[in-house]
C-alpha atoms as a PDB file:
ATOM      1  CA  MET A   1      29.165 -46.518  13.858  1.00  0.00           C
ATOM      2  CA  SER A   2      32.517 -48.186  14.367  1.00  0.00           C
ATOM      3  CA  SER A   3      35.598 -48.198  16.577  1.00  0.00           C
ATOM      4  CA  VAL A   4      33.674 -49.192  19.709  1.00  0.00           C
ATOM      5  CA  HIS A   5      35.988 -49.561  22.713  1.00  0.00           C
ATOM      6  CA  GLN A   6      35.658 -50.421  26.375  1.00  0.00           C
ATOM      7  CA  PRO A   7      35.495 -47.097  28.268  1.00  0.00           C
ATOM      8  CA  ALA A   8      38.525 -46.279  30.398  1.00  0.00           C
ATOM      9  CA  ILE A   9      36.293 -44.944  33.183  1.00  0.00           C
ATOM     10  CA  SER A  10      33.387 -46.574  34.983  1.00  0.00           C
ATOM     11  CA  LYS A  11      29.752 -45.982  34.134  1.00  0.00           C
ATOM     12  CA  GLU A  12      29.283 -44.241  37.471  1.00  0.00           C
ATOM     13  CA  ARG A  13      32.233 -41.904  36.860  1.00  0.00           C
ATOM     14  CA  ARG A  14      31.031 -41.126  33.362  1.00  0.00           C
ATOM     15  CA  GLU A  15      27.497 -40.354  34.522  1.00  0.00           C
ATOM     16  CA  ARG A  16      28.805 -38.119  37.299  1.00  0.00           C
ATOM     17  CA  ALA A  17      30.892 -36.169  34.787  1.00  0.00           C
ATOM     18  CA  PHE A  18      27.871 -35.875  32.494  1.00  0.00           C
ATOM     19  CA  ARG A  19      25.825 -34.415  35.356  1.00  0.00           C
ATOM     20  CA  GLU A  20      28.546 -31.930  36.239  1.00  0.00           C
ATOM     21  CA  GLY A  21      29.311 -30.981  32.638  1.00  0.00           C
ATOM     22  CA  VAL A  22      27.923 -27.932  30.862  1.00  0.00           C
ATOM     23  CA  ASP A  23      27.180 -27.062  27.264  1.00  0.00           C
ATOM     24  CA  PHE A  24      29.365 -24.780  25.169  1.00  0.00           C
ATOM     25  CA  HIS A  25      27.490 -21.551  25.839  1.00  0.00           C
ATOM     26  CA  THR A  26      27.461 -22.101  29.595  1.00  0.00           C
ATOM     27  CA  PHE A  27      31.190 -22.821  29.473  1.00  0.00           C
ATOM     28  CA  VAL A  28      31.719 -19.497  27.686  1.00  0.00           C
ATOM     29  CA  GLU A  29      29.535 -17.614  30.162  1.00  0.00           C
ATOM     30  CA  ARG A  30      31.589 -18.988  33.049  1.00  0.00           C
ATOM     31  CA  ALA A  31      34.950 -18.421  31.375  1.00  0.00           C
ATOM     32  CA  GLU A  32      37.284 -16.054  33.195  1.00  0.00           C
ATOM     33  CA  LEU A  33      39.732 -15.949  30.287  1.00  0.00           C
ATOM     34  CA  ASN A  34      39.361 -15.767  26.503  1.00  0.00           C
ATOM     35  CA  ARG A  35      35.597 -15.274  26.492  1.00  0.00           C
ATOM     36  CA  ASP A  36      35.700 -12.912  23.510  1.00  0.00           C
ATOM     37  CA  LEU A  37      37.930 -15.275  21.551  1.00  0.00           C
ATOM     38  CA  LEU A  38      35.638 -18.203  22.296  1.00  0.00           C
ATOM     39  CA  HIS A  39      32.758 -16.149  20.900  1.00  0.00           C
ATOM     40  CA  SER A  40      34.654 -15.000  17.821  1.00  0.00           C
ATOM     41  CA  ASN A  41      35.907 -18.498  17.026  1.00  0.00           C
ATOM     42  CA  TYR A  42      32.362 -19.836  17.362  1.00  0.00           C
ATOM     43  CA  ASN A  43      31.190 -17.221  14.873  1.00  0.00           C
ATOM     44  CA  GLY A  44      34.179 -17.961  12.642  1.00  0.00           C
ATOM     45  CA  TYR A  45      33.262 -21.601  12.127  1.00  0.00           C
ATOM     46  CA  THR A  46      30.718 -22.432   9.431  1.00  0.00           C
ATOM     47  CA  LEU A  47      29.384 -25.865   8.531  1.00  0.00           C
ATOM     48  CA  THR A  48      28.702 -26.840   4.936  1.00  0.00           C
ATOM     49  CA  GLU A  49      25.486 -28.608   4.019  1.00  0.00           C
ATOM     50  CA  GLU A  50      27.470 -31.828   3.543  1.00  0.00           C
ATOM     51  CA  GLU A  51      28.963 -31.497   7.023  1.00  0.00           C
ATOM     52  CA  LYS A  52      25.559 -30.862   8.563  1.00  0.00           C
ATOM     53  CA  ALA A  53      24.167 -33.844   6.666  1.00  0.00           C
ATOM     54  CA  PHE A  54      26.896 -36.107   8.036  1.00  0.00           C
ATOM     55  CA  PHE A  55      26.048 -35.311  11.639  1.00  0.00           C
ATOM     56  CA  GLY A  56      22.348 -35.313  10.839  1.00  0.00           C
ATOM     57  CA  SER A  57      22.681 -38.851   9.499  1.00  0.00           C
ATOM     58  CA  LEU A  58      23.872 -40.268  12.814  1.00  0.00           C
ATOM     59  CA  LYS A  59      21.344 -42.755  14.130  1.00  0.00           C
ATOM     60  CA  GLN A  60      21.434 -41.296  17.614  1.00  0.00           C
ATOM     61  CA  PRO A  61      22.894 -38.256  19.371  1.00  0.00           C
ATOM     62  CA  ILE A  62      26.440 -38.696  20.632  1.00  0.00           C
ATOM     63  CA  ASP A  63      27.431 -37.748  24.177  1.00  0.00           C
ATOM     64  CA  VAL A  64      30.802 -36.006  24.261  1.00  0.00           C
ATOM     65  CA  LEU A  65      32.650 -35.680  27.556  1.00  0.00           C
ATOM     66  CA  VAL A  66      35.109 -32.800  27.238  1.00  0.00           C
ATOM     67  CA  LEU A  67      38.025 -31.965  29.525  1.00  0.00           C
ATOM     68  CA  ALA A  68      38.966 -28.324  28.979  1.00  0.00           C
ATOM     69  CA  GLN A  69      40.166 -25.081  30.580  1.00  0.00           C
ATOM     70  CA  ASP A  70      39.482 -21.532  29.448  1.00  0.00           C
ATOM     71  CA  TRP A  71      43.220 -20.706  29.445  1.00  0.00           C
ATOM     72  CA  CYS A  72      44.038 -23.463  26.960  1.00  0.00           C
ATOM     73  CA  GLY A  73      44.693 -22.202  23.436  1.00  0.00           C
ATOM     74  CA  ASP A  74      43.666 -25.479  21.806  1.00  0.00           C
ATOM     75  CA  ALA A  75      40.378 -25.551  23.724  1.00  0.00           C
ATOM     76  CA  VAL A  76      39.657 -21.929  22.870  1.00  0.00           C
ATOM     77  CA  SER A  77      40.295 -22.697  19.218  1.00  0.00           C
ATOM     78  CA  ASN A  78      38.437 -25.955  18.629  1.00  0.00           C
ATOM     79  CA  LEU A  79      35.823 -26.221  21.377  1.00  0.00           C
ATOM     80  CA  PRO A  80      33.736 -23.584  19.524  1.00  0.00           C
ATOM     81  CA  LEU A  81      33.590 -25.949  16.529  1.00  0.00           C
ATOM     82  CA  PHE A  82      31.991 -28.618  18.677  1.00  0.00           C
ATOM     83  CA  GLY A  83      29.599 -26.005  20.036  1.00  0.00           C
ATOM     84  CA  LYS A  84      28.638 -25.062  16.492  1.00  0.00           C
ATOM     85  CA  ILE A  85      28.068 -28.705  15.510  1.00  0.00           C
ATOM     86  CA  ALA A  86      25.928 -29.260  18.609  1.00  0.00           C
ATOM     87  CA  ASP A  87      23.837 -26.166  17.917  1.00  0.00           C
ATOM     88  CA  GLU A  88      23.322 -26.685  14.193  1.00  0.00           C
ATOM     89  CA  THR A  89      22.795 -30.448  14.070  1.00  0.00           C
ATOM     90  CA  GLY A  90      21.510 -31.417  17.517  1.00  0.00           C
ATOM     91  CA  ASN A  91      23.478 -34.649  17.353  1.00  0.00           C
ATOM     92  CA  LEU A  92      26.319 -33.846  19.734  1.00  0.00           C
ATOM     93  CA  ARG A  93      25.543 -33.476  23.426  1.00  0.00           C
ATOM     94  CA  LEU A  94      28.487 -31.731  25.044  1.00  0.00           C
ATOM     95  CA  HIS A  95      29.345 -32.286  28.708  1.00  0.00           C
ATOM     96  CA  ILE A  96      32.247 -29.898  29.334  1.00  0.00           C
ATOM     97  CA  VAL A  97      34.131 -30.055  32.628  1.00  0.00           C
ATOM     98  CA  ASN A  98      37.303 -28.392  33.812  1.00  0.00           C
ATOM     99  CA  ARG A  99      40.131 -30.879  34.022  1.00  0.00           C
ATOM    100  CA  ASP A 100      41.696 -29.140  37.010  1.00  0.00           C
ATOM    101  CA  PRO A 101      41.365 -29.946  39.852  1.00  0.00           C
ATOM    102  CA  ASP A 102      38.416 -32.343  40.041  1.00  0.00           C
ATOM    103  CA  ASN A 103      38.752 -34.455  36.894  1.00  0.00           C
ATOM    104  CA  LEU A 104      42.419 -35.349  36.842  1.00  0.00           C
ATOM    105  CA  ASP A 105      41.434 -38.998  37.233  1.00  0.00           C
ATOM    106  CA  ILE A 106      39.623 -38.888  33.894  1.00  0.00           C
ATOM    107  CA  ALA A 107      42.589 -37.125  32.312  1.00  0.00           C
ATOM    108  CA  ALA A 108      44.881 -39.868  33.610  1.00  0.00           C
ATOM    109  CA  ALA A 109      42.610 -42.492  32.051  1.00  0.00           C
ATOM    110  CA  TYR A 110      42.867 -40.817  28.642  1.00  0.00           C
ATOM    111  CA  PRO A 111      46.498 -39.782  28.142  1.00  0.00           C
ATOM    112  CA  HIS A 112      47.873 -38.302  24.951  1.00  0.00           C
ATOM    113  CA  ALA A 113      50.099 -40.496  22.796  1.00  0.00           C
ATOM    114  CA  ASP A 114      53.067 -39.005  24.662  1.00  0.00           C
ATOM    115  CA  GLY A 115      51.694 -40.368  27.935  1.00  0.00           C
ATOM    116  CA  LYS A 116      50.816 -36.949  29.332  1.00  0.00           C
ATOM    117  CA  SER A 117      47.477 -35.331  30.058  1.00  0.00           C
ATOM    118  CA  ARG A 118      46.567 -32.906  27.271  1.00  0.00           C
ATOM    119  CA  ILE A 119      43.547 -30.691  26.814  1.00  0.00           C
ATOM    120  CA  PRO A 120      41.091 -30.460  25.345  1.00  0.00           C
ATOM    121  CA  THR A 121      40.219 -34.145  25.508  1.00  0.00           C
ATOM    122  CA  TYR A 122      36.999 -35.223  23.782  1.00  0.00           C
ATOM    123  CA  ILE A 123      35.553 -38.665  24.592  1.00  0.00           C
ATOM    124  CA  PHE A 124      32.614 -39.852  22.478  1.00  0.00           C
ATOM    125  CA  PHE A 125      29.943 -42.194  23.856  1.00  0.00           C
ATOM    126  CA  ALA A 126      26.892 -43.889  22.362  1.00  0.00           C
ATOM    127  CA  ASP A 127      23.637 -44.025  24.324  1.00  0.00           C
ATOM    128  CA  SER A 128      24.573 -47.583  25.270  1.00  0.00           C
ATOM    129  CA  GLY A 129      27.667 -46.278  27.059  1.00  0.00           C
ATOM    130  CA  ASP A 130      30.004 -47.728  24.453  1.00  0.00           C
ATOM    131  CA  GLN A 131      33.017 -45.549  23.806  1.00  0.00           C
ATOM    132  CA  LEU A 132      33.184 -44.627  20.123  1.00  0.00           C
ATOM    133  CA  GLY A 133      36.431 -42.702  19.994  1.00  0.00           C
ATOM    134  CA  VAL A 134      38.693 -40.080  21.537  1.00  0.00           C
ATOM    135  CA  PHE A 135      40.155 -36.872  20.138  1.00  0.00           C
ATOM    136  CA  ILE A 136      42.865 -35.045  22.082  1.00  0.00           C
ATOM    137  CA  GLU A 137      44.257 -31.537  21.781  1.00  0.00           C
ATOM    138  CA  ARG A 138      44.351 -30.612  18.065  1.00  0.00           C
ATOM    139  CA  PRO A 139      44.664 -32.068  14.557  1.00  0.00           C
ATOM    140  CA  GLU A 140      48.101 -32.646  13.081  1.00  0.00           C
ATOM    141  CA  VAL A 141      47.700 -29.782  10.617  1.00  0.00           C
ATOM    142  CA  ILE A 142      47.657 -27.323  13.530  1.00  0.00           C
ATOM    143  CA  THR A 143      50.693 -28.941  15.125  1.00  0.00           C
ATOM    144  CA  SER A 144      52.481 -28.308  11.827  1.00  0.00           C
ATOM    145  CA  TYR A 145      51.366 -24.686  11.871  1.00  0.00           C
ATOM    146  CA  ASN A 146      52.564 -24.346  15.467  1.00  0.00           C
ATOM    147  CA  ARG A 147      56.040 -25.397  14.394  1.00  0.00           C
ATOM    148  CA  LYS A 148      55.948 -22.872  11.549  1.00  0.00           C
ATOM    149  CA  TRP A 149      54.691 -20.073  13.801  1.00  0.00           C
ATOM    150  CA  SER A 150      57.325 -20.916  16.389  1.00  0.00           C
ATOM    151  CA  GLU A 151      60.085 -20.440  13.823  1.00  0.00           C
ATOM    152  CA  GLN A 152      58.503 -17.175  12.685  1.00  0.00           C
ATOM    153  CA  PHE A 153      58.321 -15.914  16.262  1.00  0.00           C
ATOM    154  CA  TRP A 154      62.008 -16.504  16.887  1.00  0.00           C
ATOM    155  CA  ASP A 155      62.982 -15.071  13.497  1.00  0.00           C
ATOM    156  CA  GLU A 156      60.993 -11.918  14.239  1.00  0.00           C
ATOM    157  CA  HIS A 157      62.323 -11.560  17.801  1.00  0.00           C
ATOM    158  CA  PRO A 158      66.096 -12.043  17.829  1.00  0.00           C
ATOM    159  CA  GLU A 159      66.189 -10.023  21.044  1.00  0.00           C
ATOM    160  CA  TYR A 160      64.679 -12.931  22.992  1.00  0.00           C
ATOM    161  CA  GLU A 161      66.691 -15.809  24.412  1.00  0.00           C
ATOM    162  CA  GLY A 162      65.484 -19.387  24.599  1.00  0.00           C
ATOM    163  CA  ARG A 163      65.094 -20.579  21.041  1.00  0.00           C
ATOM    164  CA  GLY A 164      65.008 -24.360  20.944  1.00  0.00           C
ATOM    165  CA  ILE A 165      63.938 -24.980  24.523  1.00  0.00           C
ATOM    166  CA  PRO A 166      60.395 -26.065  25.512  1.00  0.00           C
ATOM    167  CA  PRO A 167      58.082 -23.020  25.645  1.00  0.00           C
ATOM    168  CA  GLN A 168      57.031 -23.749  29.227  1.00  0.00           C
ATOM    169  CA  GLN A 169      60.661 -23.334  30.293  1.00  0.00           C
ATOM    170  CA  LEU A 170      61.058 -19.871  28.770  1.00  0.00           C
ATOM    171  CA  ASP A 171      61.445 -16.838  31.004  1.00  0.00           C
ATOM    172  CA  THR A 172      58.029 -15.430  31.839  1.00  0.00           C
ATOM    173  CA  PRO A 173      58.100 -12.345  29.535  1.00  0.00           C
ATOM    174  CA  VAL A 174      59.331 -14.429  26.599  1.00  0.00           C
ATOM    175  CA  ARG A 175      56.841 -17.201  27.285  1.00  0.00           C
ATOM    176  CA  LYS A 176      53.950 -14.736  27.365  1.00  0.00           C
ATOM    177  CA  ALA A 177      55.079 -13.127  24.114  1.00  0.00           C
ATOM    178  CA  TYR A 178      55.510 -16.542  22.495  1.00  0.00           C
ATOM    179  CA  PHE A 179      52.036 -17.802  23.341  1.00  0.00           C
ATOM    180  CA  ALA A 180      50.458 -14.451  22.475  1.00  0.00           C
ATOM    181  CA  TYR A 181      52.037 -14.740  19.025  1.00  0.00           C
ATOM    182  CA  LEU A 182      50.618 -18.231  18.476  1.00  0.00           C
ATOM    183  CA  LYS A 183      47.240 -17.115  19.804  1.00  0.00           C
ATOM    184  CA  HIS A 184      47.171 -14.271  17.278  1.00  0.00           C
ATOM    185  CA  GLN A 185      47.950 -16.618  14.377  1.00  0.00           C
ATOM    186  CA  ARG A 186      45.508 -19.407  15.195  1.00  0.00           C
ATOM    187  CA  PRO A 187      42.173 -17.897  14.019  1.00  0.00           C
ATOM    188  CA  SER A 188      43.510 -17.683  10.460  1.00  0.00           C
ATOM    189  CA  THR A 189      43.452 -21.485  10.254  1.00  0.00           C
ATOM    190  CA  LEU A 190      39.913 -22.258  11.456  1.00  0.00           C
ATOM    191  CA  ASP A 191      38.897 -23.861   8.157  1.00  0.00           C
ATOM    192  CA  GLU A 192      41.907 -26.162   8.201  1.00  0.00           C
ATOM    193  CA  GLU A 193      41.366 -26.973  11.853  1.00  0.00           C
ATOM    194  CA  LYS A 194      37.756 -27.864  11.121  1.00  0.00           C
ATOM    195  CA  ALA A 195      38.734 -30.092   8.195  1.00  0.00           C
ATOM    196  CA  GLY A 196      41.359 -31.905  10.259  1.00  0.00           C
ATOM    197  CA  ILE A 197      38.969 -32.531  13.139  1.00  0.00           C
ATOM    198  CA  LEU A 198      36.105 -33.681  10.929  1.00  0.00           C
ATOM    199  CA  ASP A 199      38.383 -36.168   9.191  1.00  0.00           C
ATOM    200  CA  ILE A 200      39.141 -37.667  12.603  1.00  0.00           C
ATOM    201  CA  LEU A 201      35.486 -37.751  13.661  1.00  0.00           C
ATOM    202  CA  ARG A 202      34.308 -39.341  10.421  1.00  0.00           C
ATOM    203  CA  ALA A 203      36.624 -42.267  11.110  1.00  0.00           C
ATOM    204  CA  PHE A 204      34.602 -43.395  14.142  1.00  0.00           C
ATOM    205  CA  LEU A 205      31.224 -41.631  13.872  1.00  0.00           C
ATOM    206  CA  ARG A 206      29.785 -43.579  10.974  1.00  0.00           C
END
């Protein structure tokens, strides 16, 4: 394995988060939002024999600390992939915690490239406690799709105002319609999302 880094949180903080974290299926059971979509996305992901072999070839199971929320579209889309890998290979141990309100300190220690806290955040640790890598939010291919879907939404809804401003600043009815549109589109790209994520993981889990 490569890309070993000094963890951005202490051993004690990491171990506490591991104790408080849950596996994928427990996270789904406790979800107040998007439970059906979490289930359907889990069922929508399939691993090839080559993909299973890659994770099966790891010399030791990898602990993955995950910051997530059940309202987050990116978490709902790609957390099920990690659940599938954990179930079918046994070499990922997921420790999923809600970011808000009790783990904002961990989020602050692992900001996105833009300096902000983004979820989901996946932090990969070896048994030794060495940090192997971090994956945040979504692969670039999905960001590209989001831009495409955003343009489609505005083209299909000329009655709405707000094109070109950040989605979070849209009026509530428009914002809800906007995110519902993206949510509807996302499951069609599970295979591409999987490929993008696995490319990232292969870079530091080897």
